[in-house]
Amino acid sequence: MKVFFNQFVYPFLFVFLSFAISAEETSSVVQIVRTSTAETVSIAEIVKESSKYDVVVLGEEHDNGDLHRFYESLFKSISDLEPTSLSLEMLEQDQQNIVNEFIKGTITESHFLSITSNWKSFKTDYLPLVSIAKEKKCNVVAANPPRRYVNVISRKGLSAYREFSDGALQYLPPAYSLEKYLTEDYKQRLTALFAGGHGANHGPVNQYLVLGQATWDQGMAESISREFYKSGKKVVHLNGRFHSDRKGGVVHRLREMGHSVLVISGFVKDREESGEFVKIADFVILTNGR
C-alpha cells in the first residue's frame, strides 16, 4: 500500500500543486469581481460557479495580454473539472474541418495557423487556448459565420440571402433569426458604436451594419448550441466583449435558445464604472493594462 501511495499519489499531488501555483500566479495580476456582491474573489470561485451552467462566455478586449493569460488558466481549470468544449469567435465555420485536423494531429501547427490571417495575433493570443484544448482532447468549435458572407449582409441586408448558394447558407443562421432576437437596447448600443467610428465609411449609420453584427451573434450562438447538444459537454466560448456584455448579443440569443449562461467580461481597470459591473457580466476581470 505504501508503494502504491508513493507511485500514484505523489505524482498526482505534484501535478495538482503545480497547477494551483500556476493559476494563483495568473490570477494575481488581475482582480476578479463577483458583480452580484461586488466582492473580490479567486479564480476558484468562477470555476465552482461554472459547474452550474451549459455555457461560459468569456468577453475580452482583443489586445489585452494579461486577460488572455488569465482566460487560459480559467479554461484549463474548468476543463480539468468536467468535459468541456472550446468555442472561438476567431475561427470561422467553414474552417471547422481544418481545426479538427489540427486537434487530431493530422496537420501541423503552421498549416493550422495559415487559416488565421484575419487575426494577426492569433499565435500569441489564441493558439495557447487551442493548444490546451488539443492536449486535453477537447473539441474546438469554429463558431463564426464566414466574414465574406457577413460582409454581404452588412451591405445589402436580408436581401443578401437571395444571392447565397446552398453552400453558403449552411454557414449562416436563418434570416428570420437576425431581427427576431435583436433587442432594442443592443440595437441602440450597436448604432452608437457604429456612429462613433466603426461605421465611419458609411456616412449615417447603415442599419444593415446592425444586421451584420446580428449575423455574427446568431451564428456564434447556433454554433455553441449545436456543440452543446452534439457533445453533451459544457462549452466555454471566447468573443469580443461587446458580443456578450450587458446580456446582449450572443448571451441573449443563447438564453432564448434555453441555455444557462455564465457571463464573464474582462477589461482594464477604470474602463467601466464599478456601479455598472453588475449590468455587464456575472464576473468582471480587471487588468492593470493591455
Protein backbone atom coordinates (compact mmCIF):
# COMPACT_ATOMS: atom_id res chain seq x y z
CA MET A 1 0.00 0.00 0.00
CA LYS A 2 2.82 2.39 0.80
CA VAL A 3 4.46 1.73 -2.57
CA PHE A 4 1.16 2.38 -4.34
CA PHE A 5 0.74 5.66 -2.44
CA ASN A 6 4.21 6.82 -3.42
CA GLN A 7 3.81 5.88 -7.07
CA PHE A 8 0.32 7.23 -7.56
CA VAL A 9 -0.48 9.95 -5.04
CA TYR A 10 2.82 11.85 -5.11
CA PRO A 11 2.74 12.43 -8.88
CA PHE A 12 -0.92 13.46 -8.59
CA LEU A 13 -0.13 15.92 -5.82
CA PHE A 14 2.76 17.32 -7.83
CA VAL A 15 0.55 17.97 -10.86
CA PHE A 16 -2.25 19.42 -8.72
CA LEU A 17 0.03 21.72 -6.74
CA SER A 18 1.90 22.82 -9.87
CA PHE A 19 -1.37 23.86 -11.50
CA ALA A 20 -2.63 25.54 -8.33
CA ILE A 21 0.52 27.66 -8.22
CA SER A 22 0.17 28.50 -11.91
CA ALA A 23 -3.47 29.57 -11.55
CA GLU A 24 -2.65 31.59 -8.45
CA GLU A 25 0.18 33.38 -10.22
CA THR A 26 -2.05 34.16 -13.20
CA SER A 27 -4.92 35.49 -11.10
CA SER A 28 -2.54 37.61 -9.03
CA VAL A 29 -2.10 40.02 -11.96
CA VAL A 30 -5.86 40.58 -12.27
CA GLN A 31 -8.71 41.44 -9.93
CA ILE A 32 -11.76 39.17 -10.11
CA VAL A 33 -15.07 40.73 -9.03
CA ARG A 34 -18.29 38.82 -8.45
CA THR A 35 -20.65 41.54 -9.59
CA SER A 36 -23.73 40.44 -7.62
CA THR A 37 -21.92 41.14 -4.34
CA ALA A 38 -19.12 43.46 -5.54
CA GLU A 39 -16.61 41.25 -3.69
CA THR A 40 -13.17 40.32 -4.94
CA VAL A 41 -12.87 36.55 -5.35
CA SER A 42 -10.42 33.92 -6.57
CA ILE A 43 -10.37 32.02 -9.86
CA ALA A 44 -11.67 29.01 -7.89
CA GLU A 45 -14.96 30.83 -7.34
CA ILE A 46 -15.54 31.18 -11.08
CA VAL A 47 -14.68 27.53 -11.63
CA LYS A 48 -17.10 26.47 -8.90
CA GLU A 49 -19.87 28.67 -10.31
CA SER A 50 -19.25 27.46 -13.87
CA SER A 51 -20.35 23.93 -12.96
CA LYS A 52 -23.98 25.14 -12.84
CA TYR A 53 -24.10 26.33 -16.47
CA ASP A 54 -24.31 24.95 -20.00
CA VAL A 55 -22.16 27.72 -21.44
CA VAL A 56 -19.47 30.02 -20.07
CA VAL A 57 -18.94 33.11 -22.24
CA LEU A 58 -15.64 34.94 -21.91
CA GLY A 59 -15.72 38.53 -23.16
CA GLU A 60 -12.42 40.20 -23.94
CA GLU A 61 -10.68 43.25 -25.28
CA HIS A 62 -8.70 41.66 -28.09
CA ASP A 63 -5.32 43.21 -27.30
CA ASN A 64 -5.27 42.54 -23.55
CA GLY A 65 -2.37 40.15 -22.90
CA ASP A 66 -2.95 39.73 -19.16
CA LEU A 67 -6.56 38.81 -19.83
CA HIS A 68 -5.56 36.22 -22.44
CA ARG A 69 -3.26 34.52 -19.93
CA PHE A 70 -5.99 34.56 -17.28
CA TYR A 71 -8.52 33.00 -19.65
CA GLU A 72 -6.04 30.25 -20.48
CA SER A 73 -5.81 29.35 -16.78
CA LEU A 74 -9.57 29.59 -16.39
CA PHE A 75 -10.26 27.32 -19.36
CA LYS A 76 -7.75 24.77 -18.09
CA SER A 77 -9.33 24.86 -14.63
CA ILE A 78 -12.86 24.36 -15.96
CA SER A 79 -11.84 21.58 -18.36
CA ASP A 80 -9.96 19.85 -15.52
CA LEU A 81 -13.22 19.79 -13.58
CA GLU A 82 -15.56 18.42 -16.28
CA PRO A 83 -15.70 17.58 -20.01
CA THR A 84 -15.56 20.85 -21.93
CA SER A 85 -15.52 22.16 -25.50
CA LEU A 86 -13.80 25.38 -26.56
CA SER A 87 -15.57 27.77 -28.93
CA LEU A 88 -13.86 30.75 -30.57
CA GLU A 89 -15.09 33.86 -32.36
CA MET A 90 -11.68 33.93 -34.07
CA LEU A 91 -12.36 30.82 -36.18
CA GLU A 92 -14.99 30.61 -38.93
CA GLN A 93 -17.40 27.77 -39.54
CA ASP A 94 -16.07 26.82 -42.97
CA GLN A 95 -12.67 26.23 -41.30
CA GLN A 96 -14.01 23.54 -38.96
CA ASN A 97 -12.52 20.60 -40.85
CA ILE A 98 -9.05 22.18 -40.71
CA VAL A 99 -9.47 22.87 -37.00
CA ASN A 100 -10.44 19.23 -36.45
CA GLU A 101 -7.40 18.05 -38.40
CA PHE A 102 -5.11 20.10 -36.18
CA ILE A 103 -6.74 18.93 -32.96
CA LYS A 104 -6.35 15.31 -34.10
CA GLY A 105 -2.71 15.90 -35.03
CA THR A 106 -3.23 15.27 -38.75
CA ILE A 107 -1.82 18.63 -39.87
CA THR A 108 0.97 20.82 -38.49
CA GLU A 109 0.62 23.95 -36.41
CA SER A 110 1.91 26.11 -39.28
CA HIS A 111 -0.77 24.78 -41.62
CA PHE A 112 -3.43 25.41 -38.98
CA LEU A 113 -2.20 28.97 -38.42
CA SER A 114 -2.46 29.66 -42.15
CA ILE A 115 -6.26 29.96 -41.76
CA THR A 116 -5.99 32.62 -39.02
CA SER A 117 -4.73 35.53 -41.15
CA ASN A 118 -7.67 37.75 -40.11
CA TRP A 119 -6.27 37.69 -36.55
CA LYS A 120 -2.65 38.85 -36.71
CA SER A 121 -2.01 37.97 -33.06
CA PHE A 122 -3.70 34.56 -33.16
CA LYS A 123 -0.45 32.69 -32.49
CA THR A 124 0.27 34.59 -29.27
CA ASP A 125 -3.26 35.34 -28.07
CA TYR A 126 -5.40 32.32 -29.01
CA LEU A 127 -3.18 29.43 -30.05
CA PRO A 128 -2.33 28.74 -26.37
CA LEU A 129 -6.04 28.13 -25.69
CA VAL A 130 -6.32 25.83 -28.70
CA SER A 131 -3.18 24.00 -27.59
CA ILE A 132 -4.68 23.39 -24.14
CA ALA A 133 -7.80 22.01 -25.82
CA LYS A 134 -5.69 19.81 -28.10
CA GLU A 135 -3.67 18.44 -25.20
CA LYS A 136 -6.84 17.66 -23.23
CA LYS A 137 -8.64 16.26 -26.32
CA CYS A 138 -11.37 18.90 -26.13
CA ASN A 139 -13.41 19.80 -29.18
CA VAL A 140 -12.64 23.22 -30.66
CA VAL A 141 -15.55 24.97 -32.36
CA ALA A 142 -15.02 27.38 -35.23
CA ALA A 143 -18.00 29.48 -34.19
CA ASN A 144 -18.30 32.45 -36.54
CA PRO A 145 -20.04 32.63 -39.90
CA PRO A 146 -17.55 33.34 -42.72
CA ARG A 147 -16.89 37.06 -42.87
CA ARG A 148 -17.24 37.19 -46.65
CA TYR A 149 -20.94 36.36 -46.26
CA VAL A 150 -21.47 38.61 -43.25
CA ASN A 151 -19.98 41.45 -45.31
CA VAL A 152 -22.71 40.98 -47.95
CA ILE A 153 -25.43 41.13 -45.28
CA SER A 154 -23.80 44.28 -43.84
CA ARG A 155 -24.13 45.90 -47.27
CA LYS A 156 -27.43 44.53 -48.54
CA GLY A 157 -29.42 43.44 -45.52
CA LEU A 158 -31.70 40.41 -45.60
CA SER A 159 -32.00 40.59 -49.39
CA ALA A 160 -28.47 39.14 -49.44
CA TYR A 161 -29.97 35.74 -48.62
CA ARG A 162 -31.43 35.61 -52.14
CA GLU A 163 -27.93 35.66 -53.55
CA PHE A 164 -26.34 32.98 -51.38
CA SER A 165 -25.79 29.47 -52.68
CA ASP A 166 -26.85 26.41 -50.73
CA GLY A 167 -23.18 26.00 -49.84
CA ALA A 168 -23.08 29.48 -48.32
CA LEU A 169 -26.36 29.09 -46.44
CA GLN A 170 -25.05 26.11 -44.46
CA TYR A 171 -22.72 28.54 -42.66
CA LEU A 172 -25.34 31.22 -41.96
CA PRO A 173 -28.15 31.46 -39.40
CA PRO A 174 -31.73 31.60 -40.74
CA ALA A 175 -32.60 35.06 -41.99
CA TYR A 176 -35.63 35.36 -39.68
CA SER A 177 -33.48 34.90 -36.59
CA LEU A 178 -31.34 38.01 -37.10
CA GLU A 179 -34.03 40.52 -36.14
CA LYS A 180 -36.18 38.16 -34.06
CA TYR A 181 -33.59 38.04 -31.25
CA LEU A 182 -32.26 41.58 -31.65
CA THR A 183 -33.14 43.52 -28.51
CA GLU A 184 -33.80 47.24 -28.69
CA ASP A 185 -31.10 48.01 -26.13
CA TYR A 186 -28.47 46.07 -28.07
CA LYS A 187 -29.58 47.67 -31.34
CA GLN A 188 -29.19 51.14 -29.81
CA ARG A 189 -25.73 50.32 -28.47
CA LEU A 190 -24.68 48.99 -31.87
CA THR A 191 -25.97 52.11 -33.61
CA ALA A 192 -23.99 54.28 -31.19
CA LEU A 193 -20.89 52.13 -31.71
CA PHE A 194 -21.01 52.36 -35.49
CA ALA A 195 -21.75 56.09 -35.36
CA GLY A 196 -18.66 56.51 -33.20
CA GLY A 197 -16.26 55.20 -35.81
CA HIS A 198 -16.94 51.62 -36.83
CA GLY A 199 -19.40 52.85 -39.44
CA ALA A 200 -17.47 55.99 -40.39
CA ASN A 201 -17.10 54.97 -44.03
CA HIS A 202 -20.84 54.59 -44.42
CA GLY A 203 -21.93 58.14 -43.58
CA PRO A 204 -25.11 57.98 -41.48
CA VAL A 205 -25.29 54.66 -39.68
CA ASN A 206 -26.42 51.99 -42.10
CA GLN A 207 -28.87 49.69 -40.31
CA TYR A 208 -27.57 46.81 -42.40
CA LEU A 209 -24.43 47.03 -40.27
CA VAL A 210 -26.59 46.11 -37.29
CA LEU A 211 -27.84 43.07 -39.22
CA GLY A 212 -24.25 42.14 -39.94
CA GLN A 213 -23.49 42.18 -36.22
CA ALA A 214 -26.64 40.16 -35.58
CA THR A 215 -25.34 37.58 -38.07
CA TRP A 216 -22.12 37.21 -36.08
CA ASP A 217 -24.07 36.88 -32.83
CA GLN A 218 -26.69 34.42 -34.06
CA GLY A 219 -24.11 32.40 -35.97
CA MET A 220 -21.93 32.02 -32.88
CA ALA A 221 -24.91 31.23 -30.65
CA GLU A 222 -26.04 28.47 -33.01
CA SER A 223 -22.52 27.02 -33.21
CA ILE A 224 -22.33 26.91 -29.41
CA SER A 225 -25.79 25.39 -29.03
CA ARG A 226 -25.10 22.77 -31.68
CA GLU A 227 -21.86 21.74 -29.95
CA PHE A 228 -23.55 21.55 -26.57
CA TYR A 229 -26.27 19.19 -27.80
CA LYS A 230 -23.98 17.15 -30.04
CA SER A 231 -21.22 16.56 -27.49
CA GLY A 232 -23.16 16.84 -24.23
CA LYS A 233 -20.29 18.92 -22.85
CA LYS A 234 -20.09 22.38 -21.32
CA VAL A 235 -18.97 24.97 -23.87
CA VAL A 236 -16.50 27.73 -23.00
CA HIS A 237 -16.83 30.43 -25.66
CA LEU A 238 -14.49 33.38 -26.22
CA ASN A 239 -15.51 36.55 -28.05
CA GLY A 240 -15.03 40.30 -28.03
CA ARG A 241 -16.86 41.65 -25.02
CA PHE A 242 -19.36 43.72 -27.00
CA HIS A 243 -20.89 40.43 -28.22
CA SER A 244 -21.73 39.38 -24.66
CA ASP A 245 -21.71 42.34 -22.24
CA ARG A 246 -24.96 43.61 -20.72
CA LYS A 247 -26.96 40.48 -21.60
CA GLY A 248 -26.85 41.34 -25.28
CA GLY A 249 -25.71 39.66 -28.47
CA VAL A 250 -24.60 36.05 -28.09
CA VAL A 251 -25.74 35.80 -24.46
CA HIS A 252 -29.32 36.91 -25.10
CA ARG A 253 -29.63 34.57 -28.07
CA LEU A 254 -28.29 31.57 -26.15
CA ARG A 255 -30.72 32.22 -23.33
CA GLU A 256 -33.58 32.49 -25.82
CA MET A 257 -32.49 29.04 -27.04
CA GLY A 258 -32.91 27.74 -23.50
CA HIS A 259 -29.27 27.59 -22.37
CA SER A 260 -27.98 28.63 -18.97
CA VAL A 261 -25.09 31.04 -19.48
CA LEU A 262 -22.41 32.35 -17.12
CA VAL A 263 -21.04 35.65 -18.43
CA ILE A 264 -17.51 36.92 -17.74
CA SER A 265 -16.07 40.17 -19.07
CA GLY A 266 -12.51 41.42 -18.88
CA PHE A 267 -11.09 44.90 -19.34
CA VAL A 268 -8.56 47.37 -18.00
CA LYS A 269 -9.22 48.87 -14.55
CA ASP A 270 -11.19 52.13 -14.66
CA ARG A 271 -12.51 51.32 -18.15
CA GLU A 272 -16.00 50.99 -16.67
CA GLU A 273 -17.72 52.44 -13.61
CA SER A 274 -17.86 49.90 -10.78
CA GLY A 275 -21.57 50.59 -10.40
CA GLU A 276 -22.08 49.23 -13.92
CA PHE A 277 -20.32 45.90 -13.30
CA VAL A 278 -23.48 44.05 -12.30
CA LYS A 279 -25.10 45.06 -15.60
CA ILE A 280 -22.07 43.97 -17.64
CA ALA A 281 -21.46 40.38 -16.51
CA ASP A 282 -21.60 37.88 -13.65
CA PHE A 283 -17.86 38.26 -13.06
CA VAL A 284 -15.56 41.01 -14.31
CA ILE A 285 -11.80 40.57 -14.66
CA LEU A 286 -9.86 43.79 -14.15
CA THR A 287 -6.33 44.07 -15.53
CA ASN A 288 -3.69 46.74 -14.95
CA GLY A 289 -3.01 47.27 -18.64
CA ARG A 290 -3.38 45.79 -22.06
